[in-house]
Every structure is written in structure tokens, then in C-alpha cells.
């Protein structure tokens, strides 16, 4: 019952509005030469999914075929629906009977209706199960992110719950407030509290393994993963960031309570969040140095290079406290995207899960 929607074209103005007045907007898209944000992902897939660009009758037919109701499709294919970041396709509400499948969670938090898509693996039996939270970028939606970064088949085969949270609006665009409250923070969204409530809500219906709660995200969603590692260390075991960054409060407000394994994937030609930092974000190397220090890793990394399109240089730091590790995959000439990698047969989703799943909140498993 999933339908991708057309991502609104967002102009890169002002700048992401989180913890610094100077951080460029980062999200479900990449910066174009004309200063606008353009879609990331396979263009053929995007063209097929852009059913809202069809005439009303064709859009309605395609929407119904995807399993949505008459009311939902009439709204989504109409002028009002086309101007929103919501989708015409919906999933059933999360059940409380242990059923498997893909569902919607909706609840009020801080006076705002918040939503997430949750996939419960077909292998779920009621036993304690890990969960991966994966966050879309600035201006993105949970459904679009699920289409690009689809962990559902992997969740079914490996036995973990995967949730795609939906950010609230900041100046009309979905975002994640990944920073601690401060005078420089232009967002007042309580996204850390939202994540707490989301985990509690899912945990009330399904048996989640509190020792194995993971976070991953793209761009601003990667920032959110770093934020959770900083400010929700009581809940988060390990994280991954794709084309994301840490904000320049590094080592100041961010003080993890325990060693935390971290994976980063970043392109050297990223035009939105520069590999070498700037605009309120620290460089990739500063990020690596920070987490190796947190994890008390002192040795040099093991370095490997994988030829291909794209080529990838990998840096693996091991020997951290409690068995923690820091991995970095440098995508040569990579831009601002959720990468389509093939490293020894592992795509980006598999690479992330194989890394995260080796750690618990108390270190290596």
C-alpha cells in the first residue's frame, strides 16, 4: 500500500535553522546548479512514482490500485493534496496483536500530530526484537525515504523492526531538530521527546530489545542520528549517518554517556554538506576523531579501497572501549545522496545493518 509522492522543489535559502544560523539546508534532495534542490534517486523510479503529475483520473486509478481508499485518493489527486508533504497511500494502524507487516503509528506529541511508518518483520514471534529508526532528510517524507532506503526485506530476513519517522514542519518543510536547546537553535521541535514516545508506543505493542535500538539517517536525518547518540545515549546502541554531519556543538553540548559505535558514509563532492565541513557542520575527519576519542580508540584504521562506480575508500577503527568501533566509507566523487553501493555484495542498507547489529548499548555483542 505504499505510494511514493513527488518531492516538493525547495529553494536553498537560509540555511538549516538548527543550532546555527549558517548551516545549509540538507534533506531528501541534492543541490542543483540553479540553487534549487532536486530529487535524489533513480530518475526512472521517480518518474514512475510521480502519479500526481498525471491527470486527475489517471492519478486516482493508480492511487486506488495501490490500496488507498476513495476518500484518500480523491484528496491526494486533487489540488489540495498536491500541495502537501503527505501521501495519498496509507497503512493500517499499528495493531496490538503481534501481527506482522507495514503499519502507521500516529500520536500527539507536544501539541502536534506525529506520524511514523513501522515495518514488523514476517519473522516476528513475540520474542525480544531489535529496532532500527531511519530518518529522512530535510524536506523529505517517511515514505520517500522508505523507497530510497528500503530496509524491509532485510528486516524480514534478519529479524528486526524498522521504523521511518516523519519530521514536523519548519518554515513549511519537514525537518529534524538534532540539536540541544540553545539560543542559536531556530527549531523548537521536541524531536528527541518524539523519538522517546515513538519507541514507547511501538514497545507497548511489540517486544523490543531495549539493548538494541539503532538509528540511521540521510542528511538532516544523519544529523538526527548523531543527535540521538549525543542526547539519548540511554536508549541508542549504535548509529549510522549517510551524507550527514555533526553540528559544531561537538565536544560541548554533545557528551555521550557510554561508548557508541558509529558508521559514516559521505561523498567527497557533496555540495550540500561539505566533506571538509563548514556552515555550522564539522568535517568528516573531525567527526571521526570525535567518536574514536569517545570510544577510546588509539590505533590507526585499517584502510581498504574498492574500485567501481562509485569507488569507495573504507577506514575501519577497532579496539574501542567495550569492543566499540568507528567505520567510515569515503565515496570518491560522491555527491549528496543515499548511496547505491556494492561493497563485496553489500548494498548501503546491508552495510549499515551488518555494522549496527554487532553492537548493543553495552558494547560489542
Protein backbone atom coordinates (compact mmCIF):
# COMPACT_ATOMS: atom_id res chain seq x y z
CA UNK A 1 0.00 0.00 0.00
CA UNK A 2 2.96 2.23 -0.48
CA UNK A 3 2.93 5.11 -2.92
CA UNK A 4 5.78 7.49 -3.46
CA UNK A 5 4.90 11.12 -3.89
CA UNK A 6 6.61 13.92 -5.74
CA UNK A 7 9.11 15.72 -3.51
CA UNK A 8 8.41 19.46 -3.45
CA UNK A 9 11.13 21.56 -5.06
CA UNK A 10 12.72 23.54 -2.25
CA UNK A 11 14.95 26.56 -2.72
CA UNK A 12 18.16 26.50 -0.69
CA UNK A 13 17.67 29.67 1.26
CA UNK A 14 18.57 30.32 4.67
CA UNK A 15 20.01 27.56 5.84
CA UNK A 16 19.17 24.93 8.13
CA UNK A 17 17.97 26.62 11.10
CA UNK A 18 19.27 24.05 13.56
CA UNK A 19 21.71 25.13 16.23
CA UNK A 20 23.40 27.56 13.87
CA UNK A 21 22.23 30.33 11.56
CA UNK A 22 24.71 29.25 8.90
CA UNK A 23 24.12 25.58 8.16
CA UNK A 24 22.86 24.90 4.65
CA UNK A 25 19.54 23.16 4.17
CA UNK A 26 20.04 19.44 4.00
CA UNK A 27 17.47 16.93 3.08
CA UNK A 28 15.85 14.44 0.81
CA UNK A 29 17.34 16.15 -2.19
CA UNK A 30 20.63 17.43 -3.58
CA UNK A 31 21.53 20.96 -4.55
CA UNK A 32 21.23 21.82 -8.22
CA UNK A 33 23.34 24.30 -10.15
CA UNK A 34 20.48 26.80 -10.19
CA UNK A 35 20.33 26.95 -6.40
CA UNK A 36 17.25 24.75 -6.13
CA UNK A 37 17.01 21.34 -4.56
CA UNK A 38 16.43 18.46 -6.92
CA UNK A 39 15.37 14.88 -6.29
CA UNK A 40 17.86 12.16 -5.43
CA UNK A 41 17.45 8.60 -6.58
CA UNK A 42 16.74 6.66 -9.72
CA UNK A 43 15.05 9.05 -12.13
CA UNK A 44 13.07 6.30 -13.86
CA UNK A 45 11.71 5.16 -10.50
CA UNK A 46 10.87 8.74 -9.59
CA UNK A 47 9.07 9.32 -12.91
CA UNK A 48 7.00 6.18 -12.45
CA UNK A 49 6.13 7.17 -8.88
CA UNK A 50 5.09 10.72 -9.74
CA UNK A 51 1.48 9.75 -10.21
CA UNK A 52 0.34 13.17 -9.04
CA UNK A 53 1.66 14.59 -12.32
CA UNK A 54 -0.95 12.52 -14.18
CA UNK A 55 -4.38 13.89 -14.96
CA UNK A 56 -6.79 13.55 -12.05
CA UNK A 57 -8.46 10.40 -13.39
CA UNK A 58 -5.18 8.55 -14.02
CA UNK A 59 -3.78 9.61 -10.66
CA UNK A 60 -6.94 8.37 -8.92
CA UNK A 61 -6.78 4.99 -10.69
CA UNK A 62 -3.14 4.45 -9.78
CA UNK A 63 -3.80 5.50 -6.19
CA UNK A 64 -6.70 3.06 -5.82
CA UNK A 65 -4.53 0.31 -7.33
CA UNK A 66 -2.02 0.91 -4.54
CA UNK A 67 -4.66 0.11 -1.95
CA UNK A 68 -5.79 3.52 -0.73
CA UNK A 69 -9.40 4.48 -0.10
CA UNK A 70 -11.67 6.52 -2.36
CA UNK A 71 -11.55 9.46 0.07
CA UNK A 72 -7.76 9.39 0.36
CA UNK A 73 -7.20 9.22 -3.40
CA UNK A 74 -9.76 11.91 -4.20
CA UNK A 75 -7.95 14.25 -1.79
CA UNK A 76 -4.41 13.26 -2.80
CA UNK A 77 -5.04 13.64 -6.53
CA UNK A 78 -6.79 16.96 -6.04
CA UNK A 79 -5.16 20.37 -5.90
CA UNK A 80 -5.14 20.47 -2.09
CA UNK A 81 -3.39 17.14 -1.76
CA UNK A 82 -0.73 18.02 -4.31
CA UNK A 83 0.42 20.97 -2.24
CA UNK A 84 1.26 18.95 0.88
CA UNK A 85 4.05 16.65 2.01
CA UNK A 86 1.54 13.93 2.85
CA UNK A 87 0.81 10.86 0.75
CA UNK A 88 -2.45 9.50 -0.50
CA UNK A 89 -1.42 5.96 0.33
CA UNK A 90 -1.74 4.83 3.93
CA UNK A 91 -1.06 1.75 6.01
CA UNK A 92 -3.29 0.24 8.65
CA UNK A 93 -2.73 1.45 12.24
CA UNK A 94 -0.17 -0.47 14.25
CA UNK A 95 -2.02 -3.44 15.80
CA UNK A 96 -1.59 -4.76 19.32
CA UNK A 97 -1.93 -8.45 18.49
CA UNK A 98 1.63 -9.08 17.29
CA UNK A 99 0.69 -9.08 13.60
CA UNK A 100 3.49 -8.58 11.08
CA UNK A 101 3.51 -6.15 8.17
CA UNK A 102 3.84 -2.42 7.50
CA UNK A 103 1.75 -0.05 9.60
CA UNK A 104 1.25 3.58 10.56
CA UNK A 105 1.76 4.97 14.06
CA UNK A 106 0.04 8.27 14.85
CA UNK A 107 0.02 10.09 18.17
CA UNK A 108 0.02 13.57 19.62
CA UNK A 109 3.30 14.89 20.94
CA UNK A 110 3.91 18.39 22.19
CA UNK A 111 0.61 19.53 20.67
CA UNK A 112 1.46 18.18 17.18
CA UNK A 113 0.13 15.06 15.48
CA UNK A 114 3.22 12.96 14.75
CA UNK A 115 3.43 10.00 12.40
CA UNK A 116 5.80 7.15 11.59
CA UNK A 117 5.74 4.11 9.32
CA UNK A 118 6.67 0.88 11.11
CA UNK A 119 7.54 -2.44 9.49
CA UNK A 120 7.30 -5.53 11.69
CA UNK A 121 9.27 -8.42 10.16
CA UNK A 122 7.50 -11.51 8.94
CA UNK A 123 9.75 -13.49 11.28
CA UNK A 124 8.45 -11.74 14.42
CA UNK A 125 7.33 -14.28 17.04
CA UNK A 126 6.90 -12.16 20.14
CA UNK A 127 10.49 -12.59 21.28
CA UNK A 128 12.63 -9.56 22.10
CA UNK A 129 13.48 -7.89 18.77
CA UNK A 130 15.92 -5.11 17.77
CA UNK A 131 14.64 -1.93 16.12
CA UNK A 132 16.20 0.43 13.58
CA UNK A 133 14.97 4.02 13.32
CA UNK A 134 15.87 5.57 9.96
CA UNK A 135 15.33 9.29 9.33
CA UNK A 136 14.61 11.15 6.10
CA UNK A 137 16.40 14.35 5.12
CA UNK A 138 15.28 17.98 5.32
CA UNK A 139 12.21 18.49 3.14
CA UNK A 140 11.68 14.74 2.88
CA UNK A 141 8.95 12.31 3.84
CA UNK A 142 8.99 8.96 5.58
CA UNK A 143 7.54 7.25 2.51
CA UNK A 144 10.07 8.67 0.09
CA UNK A 145 12.91 7.73 2.43
CA UNK A 146 11.48 4.23 2.75
CA UNK A 147 11.51 3.96 -1.06
CA UNK A 148 15.17 5.02 -1.34
CA UNK A 149 16.46 3.37 1.85
CA UNK A 150 14.22 0.31 1.98
CA UNK A 151 15.24 -1.97 4.85
CA UNK A 152 12.02 -4.02 4.86
CA UNK A 153 13.23 -7.15 3.05
CA UNK A 154 16.39 -7.08 5.14
CA UNK A 155 14.28 -6.67 8.30
CA UNK A 156 12.25 -9.73 7.30
CA UNK A 157 15.34 -11.88 6.72
CA UNK A 158 17.37 -10.62 9.69
CA UNK A 159 14.54 -10.24 12.20
CA UNK A 160 14.36 -6.59 13.24
CA UNK A 161 11.69 -3.90 13.32
CA UNK A 162 12.36 -0.86 11.12
CA UNK A 163 10.64 2.49 11.65
CA UNK A 164 10.55 5.51 9.35
CA UNK A 165 9.65 8.55 11.46
CA UNK A 166 8.15 11.67 9.87
CA UNK A 167 9.62 15.06 10.78
CA UNK A 168 7.46 18.04 11.69
CA UNK A 169 7.37 21.26 9.66
CA UNK A 170 9.91 24.05 9.93
CA UNK A 171 9.00 27.01 7.71
CA UNK A 172 6.84 24.62 5.68
CA UNK A 173 9.41 21.83 5.26
CA UNK A 174 9.74 18.58 7.26
CA UNK A 175 12.88 18.58 9.37
CA UNK A 176 14.66 17.09 12.37
CA UNK A 177 15.76 19.19 15.31
CA UNK A 178 19.00 17.39 16.04
CA UNK A 179 20.47 19.91 18.48
CA UNK A 180 20.08 20.60 22.17
CA UNK A 181 18.01 23.67 23.11
CA UNK A 182 20.01 26.88 22.82
CA UNK A 183 19.69 30.49 21.75
CA UNK A 184 21.05 29.56 18.29
CA UNK A 185 18.56 26.73 17.68
CA UNK A 186 15.95 28.00 15.21
CA UNK A 187 13.69 25.00 15.77
CA UNK A 188 11.68 24.29 18.91
CA UNK A 189 10.51 20.83 17.81
CA UNK A 190 10.97 18.27 20.58
CA UNK A 191 12.18 15.52 18.29
CA UNK A 192 14.12 13.68 21.00
CA UNK A 193 10.89 13.50 23.00
CA UNK A 194 9.06 12.36 19.87
CA UNK A 195 11.54 9.50 19.41
CA UNK A 196 11.08 8.53 23.07
CA UNK A 197 7.31 8.39 22.62
CA UNK A 198 7.61 6.53 19.32
CA UNK A 199 9.77 3.83 20.89
CA UNK A 200 7.40 3.59 23.86
CA UNK A 201 4.38 3.31 21.55
CA UNK A 202 5.91 0.56 19.42
CA UNK A 203 7.25 -1.13 22.55
CA UNK A 204 3.76 -1.27 24.03
CA UNK A 205 2.58 -3.37 21.07
CA UNK A 206 5.72 -5.39 20.30
CA UNK A 207 8.60 -6.81 22.33
CA UNK A 208 11.54 -4.54 21.54
CA UNK A 209 15.07 -5.27 22.70
CA UNK A 210 15.97 -2.14 24.68
CA UNK A 211 19.65 -3.03 24.37
CA UNK A 212 19.49 -2.98 20.56
CA UNK A 213 17.91 0.30 19.45
CA UNK A 214 19.71 1.71 16.41
CA UNK A 215 19.48 4.95 14.44
CA UNK A 216 20.45 5.77 10.85
CA UNK A 217 19.60 8.69 8.61
CA UNK A 218 20.23 10.69 5.49
CA UNK A 219 21.47 14.30 5.54
CA UNK A 220 19.46 16.12 8.25
CA UNK A 221 18.36 12.60 9.25
CA UNK A 222 22.03 11.70 9.70
CA UNK A 223 22.32 14.73 11.96
CA UNK A 224 19.37 13.36 13.91
CA UNK A 225 21.21 10.05 14.35
CA UNK A 226 24.23 11.90 15.75
CA UNK A 227 21.89 13.90 17.99
CA UNK A 228 20.39 10.72 19.40
CA UNK A 229 23.86 9.32 20.06
CA UNK A 230 24.66 12.52 21.93
CA UNK A 231 21.43 13.18 23.84
CA UNK A 232 19.65 9.82 24.06
CA UNK A 233 22.53 7.52 24.93
CA UNK A 234 20.28 5.83 27.48
CA UNK A 235 18.35 4.38 24.54
CA UNK A 236 20.60 4.25 21.47
CA UNK A 237 23.13 1.45 20.95
CA UNK A 238 24.86 2.45 17.68
CA UNK A 239 24.25 4.79 14.75
CA UNK A 240 24.97 5.37 11.05
CA UNK A 241 24.92 8.58 9.01
CA UNK A 242 24.68 8.86 5.21
CA UNK A 243 25.62 12.30 3.79
CA UNK A 244 25.02 13.77 7.24
CA UNK A 245 27.15 15.67 9.72
CA UNK A 246 27.63 16.63 13.31
CA UNK A 247 26.89 20.21 14.24
CA UNK A 248 29.53 22.50 15.65
CA UNK A 249 28.45 21.86 19.25
CA UNK A 250 30.73 18.82 19.02
CA UNK A 251 32.50 18.20 22.33
CA UNK A 252 30.47 20.94 24.02
CA UNK A 253 26.81 20.00 24.41
CA UNK A 254 27.32 16.52 22.97
CA UNK A 255 28.58 14.31 25.77
CA UNK A 256 27.66 10.63 25.25
CA UNK A 257 27.17 8.64 28.42
CA UNK A 258 28.71 5.44 27.02
CA UNK A 259 30.97 4.28 24.18
CA UNK A 260 28.95 4.20 20.95
CA UNK A 261 29.84 2.59 17.64
CA UNK A 262 29.41 4.91 14.65
CA UNK A 263 29.42 4.44 10.87
CA UNK A 264 29.59 7.33 8.41
CA UNK A 265 29.21 7.33 4.63
CA UNK A 266 29.97 10.59 2.84
CA UNK A 267 30.80 11.75 -0.67
CA UNK A 268 33.90 13.83 -1.32
CA UNK A 269 31.95 16.09 -3.74
CA UNK A 270 28.91 16.66 -1.52
CA UNK A 271 27.67 20.17 -2.44
CA UNK A 272 25.20 20.42 0.43
CA UNK A 273 27.13 19.16 3.45
CA UNK A 274 30.77 19.55 2.52
CA UNK A 275 33.11 16.67 3.26
CA UNK A 276 35.56 19.11 4.85
CA UNK A 277 32.91 20.88 6.91
CA UNK A 278 31.65 24.44 7.03
CA UNK A 279 28.44 26.35 7.53
CA UNK A 280 27.92 25.08 11.06
CA UNK A 281 28.82 21.44 10.36
CA UNK A 282 32.15 19.88 11.27
CA UNK A 283 34.25 17.93 8.78
CA UNK A 284 34.06 14.18 8.36
CA UNK A 285 37.54 13.83 9.83
CA UNK A 286 36.60 15.88 12.90
CA UNK A 287 33.57 13.63 13.33
CA UNK A 288 35.72 10.50 13.12
CA UNK A 289 38.25 11.95 15.55
CA UNK A 290 35.48 12.80 18.00
CA UNK A 291 33.97 9.31 18.06
CA UNK A 292 37.29 7.49 18.15
CA UNK A 293 38.11 9.65 21.18
CA UNK A 294 34.75 8.92 22.80
CA UNK A 295 35.36 5.21 22.23
CA UNK A 296 38.99 5.40 23.41
CA UNK A 297 40.33 4.10 20.12
CA UNK A 298 44.02 4.89 19.74
CA UNK A 299 45.22 2.80 16.82
CA UNK A 300 45.31 3.68 13.14
CA UNK A 301 42.46 2.43 10.95
CA UNK A 302 42.57 -0.49 8.59
CA UNK A 303 42.25 1.02 5.11
CA UNK A 304 40.82 -0.64 2.01
CA UNK A 305 39.73 0.68 -1.37
CA UNK A 306 37.02 -0.75 -3.59
CA UNK A 307 37.08 0.11 -7.27
CA UNK A 308 33.82 0.70 -9.05
CA UNK A 309 31.23 3.32 -9.75
CA UNK A 310 31.46 4.82 -7.26
CA UNK A 311 34.86 3.95 -5.83
CA UNK A 312 34.92 3.74 -2.04
CA UNK A 313 37.76 4.13 0.45
CA UNK A 314 36.97 2.44 3.76
CA UNK A 315 38.54 3.20 7.14
CA UNK A 316 37.85 0.78 9.99
CA UNK A 317 38.85 1.75 13.55
CA UNK A 318 38.68 -1.10 16.05
CA UNK A 319 39.73 -1.79 19.63
CA UNK A 320 37.40 0.69 21.31
CA UNK A 321 36.08 0.53 24.84
CA UNK A 322 33.56 -2.29 25.27
CA UNK A 323 34.54 -3.50 21.80
CA UNK A 324 33.16 -0.45 20.00
CA UNK A 325 34.27 0.53 16.50
CA UNK A 326 34.13 3.52 14.15
CA UNK A 327 33.79 2.91 10.39
CA UNK A 328 33.97 5.50 7.63
CA UNK A 329 33.24 4.89 3.94
CA UNK A 330 34.51 7.74 1.77
CA UNK A 331 32.61 7.75 -1.52
CA UNK A 332 35.04 9.11 -4.11
CA UNK A 333 33.39 11.97 -6.03
CA UNK A 334 30.12 11.07 -4.35
CA UNK A 335 27.54 13.82 -4.02
CA UNK A 336 24.60 14.40 -1.66
CA UNK A 337 22.59 11.20 -1.77
CA UNK A 338 21.67 7.89 -0.21
CA UNK A 339 24.36 5.91 -2.00
CA UNK A 340 23.76 2.84 -4.11
CA UNK A 341 26.85 0.93 -3.06
CA UNK A 342 28.08 -2.57 -3.73
CA UNK A 343 30.89 -3.41 -1.32
CA UNK A 344 31.64 -7.13 -1.55
CA UNK A 345 28.00 -7.73 -2.40
CA UNK A 346 26.62 -5.47 0.32
CA UNK A 347 24.45 -2.50 -0.60
CA UNK A 348 24.14 0.52 1.69
CA UNK A 349 21.31 -0.96 3.74
CA UNK A 350 23.12 -4.26 4.26
CA UNK A 351 26.38 -2.45 5.06
CA UNK A 352 24.63 -0.39 7.73
CA UNK A 353 22.72 -3.27 9.29
CA UNK A 354 25.70 -5.63 9.36
CA UNK A 355 27.62 -2.93 11.25
CA UNK A 356 24.92 -1.81 13.68
CA UNK A 357 23.69 -5.28 14.55
CA UNK A 358 27.07 -6.26 16.02
CA UNK A 359 26.63 -3.85 18.93
CA UNK A 360 24.37 -3.33 21.88
CA UNK A 361 24.02 -0.41 24.25
CA UNK A 362 26.71 -2.04 26.38
CA UNK A 363 29.18 -2.52 23.53
CA UNK A 364 30.01 -5.40 21.19
CA UNK A 365 27.62 -8.34 21.30
